[in-house]
Protein backbone atom coordinates (compact mmCIF):
# COMPACT_ATOMS: atom_id res chain seq x y z
CA UNK A 1 151.51 104.30 93.37
CA UNK A 2 154.58 102.49 94.75
CA UNK A 3 156.91 101.32 92.43
CA UNK A 4 160.34 100.07 93.48
CA UNK A 5 162.96 101.15 90.93
CA UNK A 6 166.90 101.58 92.18
CA UNK A 7 166.74 105.45 91.26
CA UNK A 8 164.03 106.28 93.68
CA UNK A 9 164.71 108.95 95.91
CA UNK A 10 161.78 108.95 98.35
CA UNK A 11 157.81 108.67 98.76
CA UNK A 12 155.28 110.68 100.31
CA UNK A 13 151.64 109.93 101.12
CA UNK A 14 149.22 112.93 100.69
CA UNK A 15 146.77 114.24 102.67
CA UNK A 16 143.48 114.38 100.97
CA UNK A 17 143.24 110.44 100.01
CA UNK A 18 145.58 108.99 102.56
CA UNK A 19 147.22 107.74 98.67
CA UNK A 20 151.20 106.63 98.03
CA UNK A 21 153.39 107.72 95.50
CA UNK A 22 156.92 106.87 94.83
CA UNK A 23 159.16 109.97 93.17
CA UNK A 24 162.92 110.18 91.57
CA UNK A 25 164.97 113.10 89.93
CA UNK A 26 164.29 113.50 86.22
CA UNK A 27 166.55 113.69 83.34
CA UNK A 28 163.83 114.65 81.00
CA UNK A 29 164.77 117.80 79.33
CA UNK A 30 161.35 119.85 79.09
CA UNK A 31 160.77 119.02 82.64
CA UNK A 32 163.66 120.43 83.99
CA UNK A 33 163.73 123.21 81.35
CA UNK A 34 160.34 124.30 83.15
CA UNK A 35 161.47 123.94 86.99
CA UNK A 36 159.89 120.43 87.36
CA UNK A 37 162.56 118.11 88.75
CA UNK A 38 160.91 115.15 89.85
CA UNK A 39 159.22 112.45 88.14
CA UNK A 40 156.39 111.07 90.22
CA UNK A 41 154.65 107.46 89.58
CA UNK A 42 150.92 107.97 89.57
CA UNK A 43 149.69 104.38 88.32
CA UNK A 44 151.11 101.41 86.59
CA UNK A 45 153.78 103.12 84.20
CA UNK A 46 152.62 106.41 84.23
CA UNK A 47 154.31 109.06 85.73
CA UNK A 48 153.46 113.28 86.30
CA UNK A 49 156.19 115.77 86.41
CA UNK A 50 156.65 117.93 89.59
CA UNK A 51 158.52 119.25 92.60
CA UNK A 52 158.59 117.57 95.74
CA UNK A 53 158.76 119.51 98.70
CA UNK A 54 159.10 118.46 102.37
CA UNK A 55 155.27 119.43 103.26
CA UNK A 56 154.11 119.38 99.73
CA UNK A 57 154.18 118.54 96.11
CA UNK A 58 153.41 120.65 93.06
CA UNK A 59 152.42 118.25 90.10
CA UNK A 60 151.37 118.41 86.38
CA UNK A 61 147.65 116.72 86.12
CA UNK A 62 145.92 116.18 83.27
CA UNK A 63 142.31 117.68 83.76
CA UNK A 64 139.11 118.10 81.96
CA UNK A 65 140.50 121.93 80.94
CA UNK A 66 143.97 120.80 79.92
CA UNK A 67 146.74 120.52 82.10
CA UNK A 68 147.62 121.79 85.74
CA UNK A 69 149.87 122.62 88.22
CA UNK A 70 148.26 121.03 91.16
CA UNK A 71 149.25 121.38 95.09
CA UNK A 72 149.25 118.45 97.08
CA UNK A 73 149.84 118.83 100.94
CA UNK A 74 151.26 115.73 102.39
CA UNK A 75 150.86 113.50 105.07
CA UNK A 76 154.63 112.25 105.21
CA UNK A 77 157.14 112.25 102.94
CA UNK A 78 160.19 109.67 103.32
CA UNK A 79 163.19 110.96 101.64
CA UNK A 80 165.40 107.94 101.00
């Protein structure tokens, strides 16, 4: 999900489904206390917390079993 905000620090294309996502640094205390330094735009106004690296992203996702940390492989990561 591409969301044009002034505070975005980049966007990435994930490998499995070829989707694009923008991301920015978070200032949300709960996420920072757990080591999740980024907010990733996933759809509309929804975000997920995670860590975006050069070749992968670790993202907290809602699943049938609750919240789990998923590793997404990145096709490309564009840092502004």
